[in-house]
Amino acid sequence: MKRLRGWDAVLLYSETPNVHMHTLKLAVIELDDLGGATFGVEELRKVIHGRLYKLDPFRYELVDIPFKFHHPMWRENAEVDLDYHVRSCRVEAPGGRRELDEAVGRIASTPLDRSRPLWEMYLIEGLAGGRIAVLGKIHHALADGVASANLLARGMDLQEGPQPERDSYATDPAPTRGELVRTAFADHMRQIAKLPSVMRYTAQGVRRVQRSPRKLSPKLTMPFTPPPSFMNHMVDATRKFATATLSLDDVKHTGKQLDATINDMVLAMSAGALRKLLLRYDGRADHPLLASVPVSFDFSRDRISGNYFTGVLVSLPVDVEDPAERVRAAHVAAAVGKESNNLIGPELVSRWSAYFPPAPAEAMFRWLSNKDGQNKVMNLPISNVPGPRERARVGGALVTEIYSVGPLTAGSGLNITVWSYVDQINISVLSDGKTLEDPHELTSAMLDEFVEIRRAAGLPAELTVVESAMPN
């Protein structure tokens, strides 16, 4: 048994019937190397069963504390019913990118069952070219982006040498009510003992801000005033999903021409695409949006669970018309956002979240999710996560593409997540049912914006075709 950390618990409390807090990991798999052997849902269950002993979060079961006296606990070695957790699904013909995206959206539209370990996996069949896809649906309380990437590496053949498998794993008995109350009381005492260090950490951040010659960015010192937009409203329970792929070399080379990082390029592409949609749906794009960009403060390769990140608020230059200038503005905004975050302390929110009382926190998030208005902290989250640099395999079958996306938050109907994989930059967009009729509007706008950025950088508009990926 172990207690959910404060940040993990907050991600659990923030889930409501219309705000689902699971993340999605999608792997497209080529079966050619199997020599005609079949790979169906039973084969996938065997692969997962053989590696379940090292996929620790897949065996975590949520245990609530009586009277919500403290954050819940994980029963770390629970029984896992793979017939329930690993399922099959078939896409409609012709089995291309759009059909796969639609299937993922349907699966994403239902929350996870909290009476079981908080994950599901789907084998998606019917893709063109005889490919399949595997979709992992994992609650954010289990793992952040870094932990999910490490967990993915354990589940696939990414390590050197043979992959050991086991037929069984140990399970722990369920805790008694008395044990839960006693451990909750003991953990509360430990938290109280840590309070002076948390207050000291906070005071140090305040002093750094006061002494800094640049101070915090004026645009980021008022996070409760993001501009209204078509994406900011009470979200519904429907989820729509869209993907697109770019060449990693194309993005790197274009960024090099403009002295921009990959992260700068992601922010600039997002800004340009959102500018087009703002002009289309709101009739104006005259004010920067506020994006929350997750930044991890624990990059340990061995960490496969927990959330060790903060959301850095970045001013998204949708009001800038020139593509090259948008890249420069995104670079400056990202640097200012990081500097502001470092000044105040990257772990500030994470440390204080340990003291959020469960019942009031849940009530607050229910109120926010049902409030008919925009998110008061940000317009949308935008993530850029470095994925595996080597080709992965599942049960011997080659993984040709990997996509990832985080959840929607209350009052924000869009999430943009970019996940790199070998030679690809893979874009994923999640929306609710009201924000966009077709979320491919946004992925297509991001591709168009990248072409405009290349032209502004003096590069050819033609993009490298990523042969291993599905056509955009």
Protein backbone atom coordinates (compact mmCIF):
# COMPACT_ATOMS: atom_id res chain seq x y z
CA MET A 1 0.00 0.00 0.00
CA LYS A 2 1.14 3.54 -0.68
CA ARG A 3 -0.52 6.93 -0.43
CA LEU A 4 -1.30 8.95 -3.55
CA ARG A 5 0.92 12.01 -3.62
CA GLY A 6 -0.93 15.32 -3.48
CA TRP A 7 -0.61 16.04 -7.19
CA ASP A 8 -1.77 12.50 -8.09
CA ALA A 9 -4.77 12.91 -5.78
CA VAL A 10 -5.70 16.29 -7.29
CA LEU A 11 -5.77 14.70 -10.75
CA LEU A 12 -8.13 12.10 -9.30
CA TYR A 13 -10.36 14.69 -7.57
CA SER A 14 -10.63 16.77 -10.75
CA GLU A 15 -12.41 13.96 -12.61
CA THR A 16 -16.15 14.47 -13.08
CA PRO A 17 -18.79 12.92 -15.39
CA ASN A 18 -17.87 15.40 -18.17
CA VAL A 19 -14.16 15.87 -17.37
CA HIS A 20 -12.41 12.51 -17.75
CA MET A 21 -8.84 12.35 -16.49
CA HIS A 22 -7.41 9.47 -18.49
CA THR A 23 -4.55 9.89 -20.94
CA LEU A 24 -4.26 8.05 -24.26
CA LYS A 25 -1.27 6.27 -25.80
CA LEU A 26 -1.77 4.92 -29.32
CA ALA A 27 0.69 2.61 -31.11
CA VAL A 28 0.22 1.61 -34.76
CA ILE A 29 1.75 -1.80 -35.41
CA GLU A 30 2.91 -3.57 -38.56
CA LEU A 31 2.53 -7.36 -38.61
CA ASP A 32 4.77 -8.16 -41.61
CA ASP A 33 7.66 -9.39 -39.44
CA LEU A 34 5.49 -12.08 -37.81
CA GLY A 35 5.77 -14.30 -40.89
CA GLY A 36 2.05 -14.81 -41.27
CA ALA A 37 1.42 -15.48 -37.59
CA THR A 38 -1.72 -13.93 -36.15
CA PHE A 39 -1.71 -11.27 -33.46
CA GLY A 40 -5.13 -10.82 -31.93
CA VAL A 41 -6.52 -9.83 -28.57
CA GLU A 42 -5.54 -13.17 -26.99
CA GLU A 43 -1.94 -12.72 -28.12
CA LEU A 44 -1.94 -9.18 -26.71
CA ARG A 45 -3.28 -10.49 -23.37
CA LYS A 46 -0.44 -13.02 -23.29
CA VAL A 47 2.14 -10.27 -23.94
CA ILE A 48 0.69 -8.08 -21.17
CA HIS A 49 0.38 -11.03 -18.77
CA GLY A 50 4.01 -11.99 -19.31
CA ARG A 51 5.17 -8.46 -18.49
CA LEU A 52 2.63 -7.53 -15.83
CA TYR A 53 5.18 -8.13 -13.08
CA LYS A 54 7.17 -5.09 -14.26
CA LEU A 55 4.20 -2.89 -15.27
CA ASP A 56 3.58 -1.96 -11.64
CA PRO A 57 0.90 0.75 -12.14
CA PHE A 58 -1.25 -1.74 -14.08
CA ARG A 59 -1.64 -3.64 -10.77
CA TYR A 60 -2.53 -0.58 -8.65
CA GLU A 61 -6.06 -0.57 -7.26
CA LEU A 62 -7.55 2.60 -5.79
CA VAL A 63 -8.59 2.38 -2.13
CA ASP A 64 -10.62 5.22 -0.62
CA ILE A 65 -10.12 6.22 3.01
CA PRO A 66 -13.16 6.12 5.35
CA PHE A 67 -14.82 9.54 5.74
CA LYS A 68 -12.34 10.89 3.11
CA PHE A 69 -10.00 11.46 6.03
CA HIS A 70 -6.96 11.58 3.71
CA HIS A 71 -5.90 11.08 0.10
CA PRO A 72 -6.70 7.59 -1.24
CA MET A 73 -4.12 4.82 -1.34
CA TRP A 74 -2.89 2.44 -4.00
CA ARG A 75 -3.13 -1.25 -3.23
CA GLU A 76 0.02 -2.00 -5.20
CA ASN A 77 -0.40 -5.69 -6.06
CA ALA A 78 -4.07 -6.19 -6.88
CA GLU A 79 -5.60 -8.91 -9.01
CA VAL A 80 -5.91 -7.97 -12.69
CA ASP A 81 -8.61 -9.41 -14.96
CA LEU A 82 -7.02 -9.19 -18.41
CA ASP A 83 -10.27 -10.32 -20.07
CA TYR A 84 -11.73 -7.05 -18.77
CA HIS A 85 -8.74 -4.73 -19.19
CA VAL A 86 -7.58 -5.88 -22.66
CA ARG A 87 -10.31 -5.63 -25.30
CA SER A 88 -10.74 -5.73 -29.06
CA CYS A 89 -12.22 -3.16 -31.41
CA ARG A 90 -12.54 -2.90 -35.20
CA VAL A 91 -12.46 0.27 -37.29
CA GLU A 92 -14.70 0.97 -40.24
CA ALA A 93 -13.38 0.55 -43.80
CA PRO A 94 -11.13 1.76 -45.38
CA GLY A 95 -9.21 1.70 -42.09
CA GLY A 96 -7.16 4.87 -42.52
CA ARG A 97 -6.10 7.62 -40.14
CA ARG A 98 -9.56 9.17 -39.85
CA GLU A 99 -11.29 5.86 -39.11
CA LEU A 100 -8.71 5.04 -36.43
CA ASP A 101 -9.05 8.52 -34.89
CA GLU A 102 -12.84 8.18 -34.75
CA ALA A 103 -12.54 4.83 -32.94
CA VAL A 104 -10.12 6.33 -30.41
CA GLY A 105 -12.53 9.22 -29.78
CA ARG A 106 -15.37 6.80 -29.03
CA ILE A 107 -13.21 4.83 -26.59
CA ALA A 108 -12.01 8.05 -24.92
CA SER A 109 -15.59 9.20 -24.29
CA THR A 110 -16.15 6.88 -21.31
CA PRO A 111 -14.36 7.23 -17.93
CA LEU A 112 -12.41 4.42 -16.30
CA ASP A 113 -14.03 2.18 -13.69
CA ARG A 114 -12.54 3.13 -10.30
CA SER A 115 -13.40 -0.27 -8.78
CA ARG A 116 -10.63 -1.79 -10.94
CA PRO A 117 -7.01 -0.84 -11.72
CA LEU A 118 -7.26 2.42 -13.64
CA TRP A 119 -6.32 1.37 -17.16
CA GLU A 120 -7.73 -0.29 -20.26
CA MET A 121 -6.06 -1.48 -23.44
CA TYR A 122 -7.67 -1.96 -26.85
CA LEU A 123 -6.45 -3.99 -29.82
CA ILE A 124 -7.86 -2.11 -32.83
CA GLU A 125 -8.15 -4.17 -36.00
CA GLY A 126 -9.22 -3.43 -39.57
CA LEU A 127 -6.52 -0.90 -40.47
CA ALA A 128 -5.36 -0.63 -44.08
CA GLY A 129 -2.30 -2.65 -45.03
CA GLY A 130 -3.03 -5.32 -42.44
CA ARG A 131 -1.83 -3.12 -39.59
CA ILE A 132 -3.32 -3.05 -36.11
CA ALA A 133 -3.23 -0.47 -33.34
CA VAL A 134 -2.98 -0.78 -29.58
CA LEU A 135 -4.59 1.96 -27.50
CA GLY A 136 -3.69 2.40 -23.84
CA LYS A 137 -6.17 4.36 -21.72
CA ILE A 138 -4.47 5.21 -18.42
CA HIS A 139 -5.66 7.48 -15.60
CA HIS A 140 -3.49 10.57 -15.17
CA ALA A 141 -3.36 9.90 -11.41
CA LEU A 142 -1.18 6.86 -12.23
CA ALA A 143 1.47 8.51 -14.38
CA ASP A 144 2.58 11.76 -16.04
CA GLY A 145 4.19 12.00 -19.49
CA VAL A 146 7.69 10.97 -18.39
CA ALA A 147 6.42 8.02 -16.33
CA SER A 148 4.12 6.95 -19.18
CA ALA A 149 7.04 6.96 -21.63
CA ASN A 150 9.10 4.81 -19.25
CA LEU A 151 6.13 2.49 -18.73
CA LEU A 152 5.75 2.24 -22.51
CA ALA A 153 9.40 1.19 -22.80
CA ARG A 154 8.82 -1.61 -20.30
CA GLY A 155 5.76 -2.83 -22.15
CA MET A 156 7.50 -2.88 -25.54
CA ASP A 157 10.76 -4.47 -26.67
CA LEU A 158 12.83 -1.32 -26.19
CA GLN A 159 15.46 -2.68 -23.80
CA GLU A 160 18.64 -4.39 -24.93
CA GLY A 161 18.73 -8.17 -24.83
CA PRO A 162 15.95 -10.71 -24.38
CA GLN A 163 12.78 -9.69 -22.57
CA PRO A 164 12.09 -11.97 -19.60
CA GLU A 165 8.49 -12.93 -18.98
CA ARG A 166 6.66 -14.42 -16.00
CA ASP A 167 3.53 -16.50 -15.70
CA SER A 168 2.51 -15.09 -12.34
CA TYR A 169 2.97 -12.22 -9.91
CA ALA A 170 2.32 -11.71 -6.22
CA THR A 171 -0.92 -10.13 -4.99
CA ASP A 172 -1.52 -8.37 -1.69
CA PRO A 173 -4.60 -8.69 0.53
CA ALA A 174 -7.03 -5.77 0.69
CA PRO A 175 -6.44 -3.49 3.73
CA THR A 176 -8.85 -3.39 6.64
CA ARG A 177 -10.82 -0.26 7.55
CA GLY A 178 -8.78 0.12 10.74
CA GLU A 179 -5.48 -0.05 8.83
CA LEU A 180 -6.65 2.67 6.46
CA VAL A 181 -7.61 5.03 9.29
CA ARG A 182 -4.40 4.39 11.27
CA THR A 183 -2.12 4.93 8.27
CA ALA A 184 -4.08 8.06 7.30
CA PHE A 185 -3.56 9.53 10.76
CA ALA A 186 0.17 8.67 10.70
CA ASP A 187 0.58 10.23 7.23
CA HIS A 188 -1.22 13.38 8.36
CA MET A 189 1.33 13.74 11.17
CA ARG A 190 4.17 13.38 8.66
CA GLN A 191 2.58 16.00 6.41
CA ILE A 192 2.24 18.43 9.29
CA ALA A 193 5.93 17.91 10.04
CA LYS A 194 6.76 18.84 6.44
CA LEU A 195 4.69 22.03 6.48
CA PRO A 196 7.53 24.32 7.65
CA SER A 197 9.72 23.20 4.72
CA VAL A 198 6.85 23.82 2.26
CA MET A 199 6.34 27.31 3.69
CA ARG A 200 10.09 27.92 3.50
CA TYR A 201 10.11 26.80 -0.17
CA THR A 202 7.22 29.20 -0.87
CA ALA A 203 8.94 32.10 0.89
CA GLN A 204 12.15 31.47 -1.07
CA GLY A 205 10.18 31.68 -4.33
CA VAL A 206 8.52 34.92 -3.29
CA ARG A 207 11.93 36.40 -2.42
CA ARG A 208 13.36 35.34 -5.80
CA VAL A 209 10.48 37.07 -7.57
CA GLN A 210 10.96 40.22 -5.50
CA ARG A 211 14.71 40.34 -6.17
CA SER A 212 14.54 39.49 -9.88
CA PRO A 213 15.25 42.50 -12.11
CA ARG A 214 12.82 41.16 -14.75
CA LYS A 215 10.07 40.09 -12.33
CA LEU A 216 7.30 37.86 -13.64
CA SER A 217 5.91 38.40 -17.11
CA PRO A 218 3.02 40.89 -16.95
CA LYS A 219 0.98 38.53 -19.15
CA LEU A 220 1.51 35.67 -16.71
CA THR A 221 0.98 37.45 -13.40
CA MET A 222 -2.77 37.41 -13.98
CA PRO A 223 -3.54 33.77 -14.82
CA PHE A 224 -7.21 34.25 -13.98
CA THR A 225 -7.88 36.44 -17.02
CA PRO A 226 -7.33 34.33 -20.17
CA PRO A 227 -9.24 35.79 -23.13
CA PRO A 228 -12.62 34.22 -23.99
CA SER A 229 -12.57 31.94 -27.05
CA PHE A 230 -14.57 29.28 -28.92
CA MET A 231 -12.70 26.53 -27.05
CA ASN A 232 -13.52 27.79 -23.55
CA HIS A 233 -16.91 26.69 -22.22
CA MET A 234 -18.46 23.92 -20.14
CA VAL A 235 -17.18 20.76 -21.85
CA ASP A 236 -19.44 17.80 -22.57
CA ALA A 237 -18.64 14.11 -22.09
CA THR A 238 -18.01 13.37 -25.78
CA ARG A 239 -14.41 13.11 -26.95
CA LYS A 240 -13.12 13.56 -30.49
CA PHE A 241 -9.58 12.68 -31.53
CA ALA A 242 -7.39 13.64 -34.47
CA THR A 243 -3.77 12.98 -35.44
CA ALA A 244 -1.17 14.08 -37.99
CA THR A 245 2.50 13.29 -38.62
CA LEU A 246 5.48 15.43 -39.64
CA SER A 247 9.10 14.52 -40.30
CA LEU A 248 11.27 15.17 -37.24
CA ASP A 249 14.13 16.24 -39.51
CA ASP A 250 11.87 18.76 -41.26
CA VAL A 251 10.90 20.30 -37.92
CA LYS A 252 14.50 20.33 -36.65
CA HIS A 253 15.87 21.87 -39.85
CA THR A 254 13.15 24.52 -39.97
CA GLY A 255 13.74 25.39 -36.33
CA LYS A 256 17.48 25.66 -36.94
CA GLN A 257 16.87 28.20 -39.70
CA LEU A 258 14.90 30.33 -37.23
CA ASP A 259 17.02 29.70 -34.10
CA ALA A 260 14.09 27.87 -32.53
CA THR A 261 13.84 24.65 -30.55
CA ILE A 262 11.38 21.84 -31.27
CA ASN A 263 9.27 23.11 -28.37
CA ASP A 264 9.28 26.62 -29.89
CA MET A 265 8.14 25.12 -33.19
CA VAL A 266 5.31 23.20 -31.53
CA LEU A 267 4.10 26.37 -29.79
CA ALA A 268 4.39 28.42 -33.00
CA MET A 269 2.52 25.82 -35.08
CA SER A 270 -0.18 25.66 -32.43
CA ALA A 271 -0.42 29.46 -32.29
CA GLY A 272 -0.74 29.80 -36.06
CA ALA A 273 -3.34 27.04 -36.31
CA LEU A 274 -5.38 28.40 -33.40
CA ARG A 275 -5.20 31.88 -34.96
CA LYS A 276 -6.92 30.50 -38.08
CA LEU A 277 -9.63 28.85 -35.97
CA LEU A 278 -10.11 31.93 -33.80
CA LEU A 279 -10.64 34.07 -36.91
CA ARG A 280 -13.06 31.46 -38.27
CA TYR A 281 -15.15 30.94 -35.13
CA ASP A 282 -14.68 34.11 -33.05
CA GLY A 283 -14.00 36.59 -35.84
CA ARG A 284 -10.87 37.92 -34.13
CA ALA A 285 -7.48 36.89 -32.81
CA ASP A 286 -6.32 40.12 -31.19
CA HIS A 287 -5.07 38.86 -27.83
CA PRO A 288 -2.52 36.15 -26.89
CA LEU A 289 -3.99 32.93 -25.52
CA LEU A 290 -2.67 31.41 -22.30
CA ALA A 291 -1.35 27.86 -22.75
CA SER A 292 -0.38 25.57 -19.90
CA VAL A 293 2.74 23.65 -20.92
CA PRO A 294 3.58 20.69 -18.63
CA VAL A 295 7.23 20.62 -17.56
CA SER A 296 8.57 17.69 -15.57
CA PHE A 297 10.94 18.08 -12.63
CA ASP A 298 11.77 14.36 -12.38
CA PHE A 299 13.20 12.76 -15.52
CA SER A 300 14.33 9.51 -13.89
CA ARG A 301 14.37 6.66 -16.44
CA ASP A 302 13.23 4.22 -13.75
CA ARG A 303 10.11 6.16 -12.72
CA ILE A 304 6.94 4.55 -14.11
CA SER A 305 4.26 6.12 -11.91
CA GLY A 306 3.34 9.37 -10.21
CA ASN A 307 3.12 12.97 -11.38
CA TYR A 308 6.16 15.20 -11.05
CA PHE A 309 5.35 18.12 -13.31
CA THR A 310 4.15 21.67 -13.21
CA GLY A 311 2.07 23.59 -15.72
CA VAL A 312 4.11 26.50 -17.06
CA LEU A 313 1.88 29.31 -18.31
CA VAL A 314 3.03 30.48 -21.74
CA SER A 315 1.62 33.40 -23.70
CA LEU A 316 0.62 31.97 -27.11
CA PRO A 317 1.10 34.62 -29.84
CA VAL A 318 -2.11 34.05 -31.84
CA ASP A 319 -2.31 37.83 -32.34
CA VAL A 320 0.91 37.87 -34.42
CA GLU A 321 0.18 37.69 -38.16
CA ASP A 322 3.63 36.93 -39.60
CA PRO A 323 4.65 33.22 -39.30
CA ALA A 324 8.37 33.88 -38.70
CA GLU A 325 7.54 36.53 -36.12
CA ARG A 326 5.20 34.05 -34.42
CA VAL A 327 8.11 31.63 -34.05
CA ARG A 328 10.25 34.35 -32.47
CA ALA A 329 7.38 35.41 -30.20
CA ALA A 330 6.78 31.78 -29.15
CA HIS A 331 10.49 31.40 -28.33
CA VAL A 332 10.44 34.50 -26.14
CA ALA A 333 7.17 33.50 -24.47
CA ALA A 334 8.48 30.01 -23.66
CA ALA A 335 11.67 31.45 -22.16
CA VAL A 336 9.72 33.96 -20.06
CA GLY A 337 7.30 31.28 -18.90
CA LYS A 338 10.14 28.98 -17.81
CA GLU A 339 11.93 31.82 -16.06
CA SER A 340 8.76 32.80 -14.20
CA ASN A 341 8.21 29.16 -13.21
CA ASN A 342 11.77 28.79 -11.95
CA LEU A 343 11.55 32.03 -9.99
CA ILE A 344 8.43 31.05 -8.07
CA GLY A 345 9.57 27.42 -7.72
CA PRO A 346 8.67 24.56 -10.09
CA GLU A 347 7.39 22.35 -7.25
CA LEU A 348 5.26 25.01 -5.54
CA VAL A 349 1.82 23.75 -6.63
CA SER A 350 2.86 20.12 -6.31
CA ARG A 351 4.01 20.59 -2.70
CA TRP A 352 0.92 22.50 -1.61
CA SER A 353 -1.39 19.98 -3.32
CA ALA A 354 -0.53 17.48 -0.57
CA TYR A 355 -2.65 19.62 1.77
CA PHE A 356 -5.79 19.71 -0.41
CA PRO A 357 -8.64 18.16 1.65
CA PRO A 358 -10.34 15.43 -0.44
CA ALA A 359 -14.04 16.25 0.01
CA PRO A 360 -13.78 20.06 -0.55
CA ALA A 361 -11.43 19.49 -3.50
CA GLU A 362 -13.89 17.11 -5.17
CA ALA A 363 -16.76 19.56 -4.56
CA MET A 364 -14.75 22.42 -6.04
CA PHE A 365 -13.91 20.48 -9.22
CA ARG A 366 -17.54 19.36 -9.63
CA TRP A 367 -18.59 23.01 -9.42
CA LEU A 368 -15.94 24.08 -11.93
CA SER A 369 -16.83 21.31 -14.40
CA ASN A 370 -20.51 22.31 -14.36
CA LYS A 371 -19.87 26.04 -14.59
CA ASP A 372 -21.04 27.40 -17.93
CA GLY A 373 -18.00 29.51 -18.68
CA GLN A 374 -14.36 29.44 -19.61
CA ASN A 375 -11.39 28.06 -17.75
CA LYS A 376 -10.15 30.84 -15.46
CA VAL A 377 -6.51 29.73 -15.45
CA MET A 378 -5.70 28.94 -19.08
CA ASN A 379 -7.19 28.56 -22.54
CA LEU A 380 -5.76 25.11 -23.27
CA PRO A 381 -2.89 22.72 -22.44
CA ILE A 382 -0.15 22.11 -25.03
CA SER A 383 2.38 19.34 -24.41
CA ASN A 384 5.59 18.33 -26.18
CA VAL A 385 6.98 14.99 -24.97
CA PRO A 386 10.17 13.34 -26.32
CA GLY A 387 9.24 9.74 -27.11
CA PRO A 388 11.36 6.67 -27.90
CA ARG A 389 14.32 7.12 -30.22
CA GLU A 390 14.45 3.43 -31.21
CA ARG A 391 11.83 1.39 -33.02
CA ALA A 392 9.64 -0.44 -30.55
CA ARG A 393 8.04 -3.87 -30.86
CA VAL A 394 5.07 -5.57 -29.26
CA GLY A 395 5.26 -9.36 -29.24
CA GLY A 396 7.79 -9.16 -32.09
CA ALA A 397 5.62 -6.85 -34.24
CA LEU A 398 7.06 -3.48 -35.31
CA VAL A 399 5.54 -0.27 -33.92
CA THR A 400 5.42 2.22 -36.80
CA GLU A 401 3.81 5.21 -35.01
CA ILE A 402 3.10 6.37 -31.45
CA TYR A 403 0.60 9.10 -30.48
CA SER A 404 -0.24 10.48 -27.06
CA VAL A 405 -2.70 12.98 -25.65
CA GLY A 406 -3.62 14.23 -22.20
CA PRO A 407 -7.11 14.95 -20.85
CA LEU A 408 -9.36 17.97 -21.22
CA THR A 409 -9.76 20.20 -18.20
CA ALA A 410 -12.81 22.05 -16.88
CA GLY A 411 -13.75 24.94 -19.15
CA SER A 412 -11.23 24.02 -21.84
CA GLY A 413 -12.40 21.96 -24.81
CA LEU A 414 -9.03 21.38 -26.52
CA ASN A 415 -5.77 19.59 -25.76
CA ILE A 416 -2.78 19.51 -28.13
CA THR A 417 -0.08 16.92 -27.41
CA VAL A 418 3.00 16.29 -29.56
CA TRP A 419 4.96 13.07 -29.10
CA SER A 420 8.16 12.42 -31.07
CA TYR A 421 9.01 8.88 -32.15
CA VAL A 422 12.23 7.95 -34.02
CA ASP A 423 11.94 10.08 -37.21
CA GLN A 424 8.43 11.43 -36.57
CA ILE A 425 6.70 14.35 -34.87
CA ASN A 426 3.23 12.99 -34.10
CA ILE A 427 0.48 15.51 -33.34
CA SER A 428 -2.62 14.54 -31.35
CA VAL A 429 -5.64 16.72 -30.68
CA LEU A 430 -8.44 15.93 -28.24
CA SER A 431 -11.64 17.96 -28.18
CA ASP A 432 -15.06 17.63 -26.65
CA GLY A 433 -18.19 17.30 -28.76
CA LYS A 434 -19.00 21.02 -28.81
CA THR A 435 -15.69 22.72 -29.59
CA LEU A 436 -15.03 21.35 -33.08
CA GLU A 437 -17.23 19.39 -35.44
CA ASP A 438 -14.07 17.71 -36.73
CA PRO A 439 -10.81 18.01 -34.73
CA HIS A 440 -8.88 17.37 -37.96
CA GLU A 441 -9.57 21.05 -38.61
CA LEU A 442 -6.89 21.78 -36.03
CA THR A 443 -4.37 19.11 -37.11
CA SER A 444 -4.75 20.22 -40.76
CA ALA A 445 -4.29 23.85 -39.71
CA MET A 446 -1.10 22.88 -37.86
CA LEU A 447 0.30 21.20 -40.99
CA ASP A 448 -0.62 24.25 -43.08
CA GLU A 449 1.01 26.53 -40.51
CA PHE A 450 4.22 24.48 -40.63
CA VAL A 451 4.32 24.96 -44.42
CA GLU A 452 3.90 28.72 -43.92
CA ILE A 453 6.72 28.75 -41.36
CA ARG A 454 9.00 26.89 -43.81
CA ARG A 455 8.23 29.44 -46.53
CA ALA A 456 8.99 32.27 -44.10
CA ALA A 457 12.31 30.56 -43.29
CA GLY A 458 13.18 30.42 -47.00
CA LEU A 459 12.71 26.64 -47.21
CA PRO A 460 10.73 24.60 -49.76
CA ALA A 461 7.05 24.15 -48.95
CA GLU A 462 7.16 20.45 -49.82
CA LEU A 463 7.22 18.24 -46.74
CA THR A 464 9.10 14.98 -46.36
CA VAL A 465 6.74 12.04 -46.52
CA VAL A 466 7.16 9.80 -43.47
CA GLU A 467 6.88 6.45 -45.23
CA SER A 468 6.30 4.43 -42.06
CA ALA A 469 3.30 6.56 -41.00
CA MET A 470 -0.28 6.57 -42.18
CA PRO A 471 -1.01 9.25 -44.81
CA ASN A 472 -2.19 12.55 -43.25
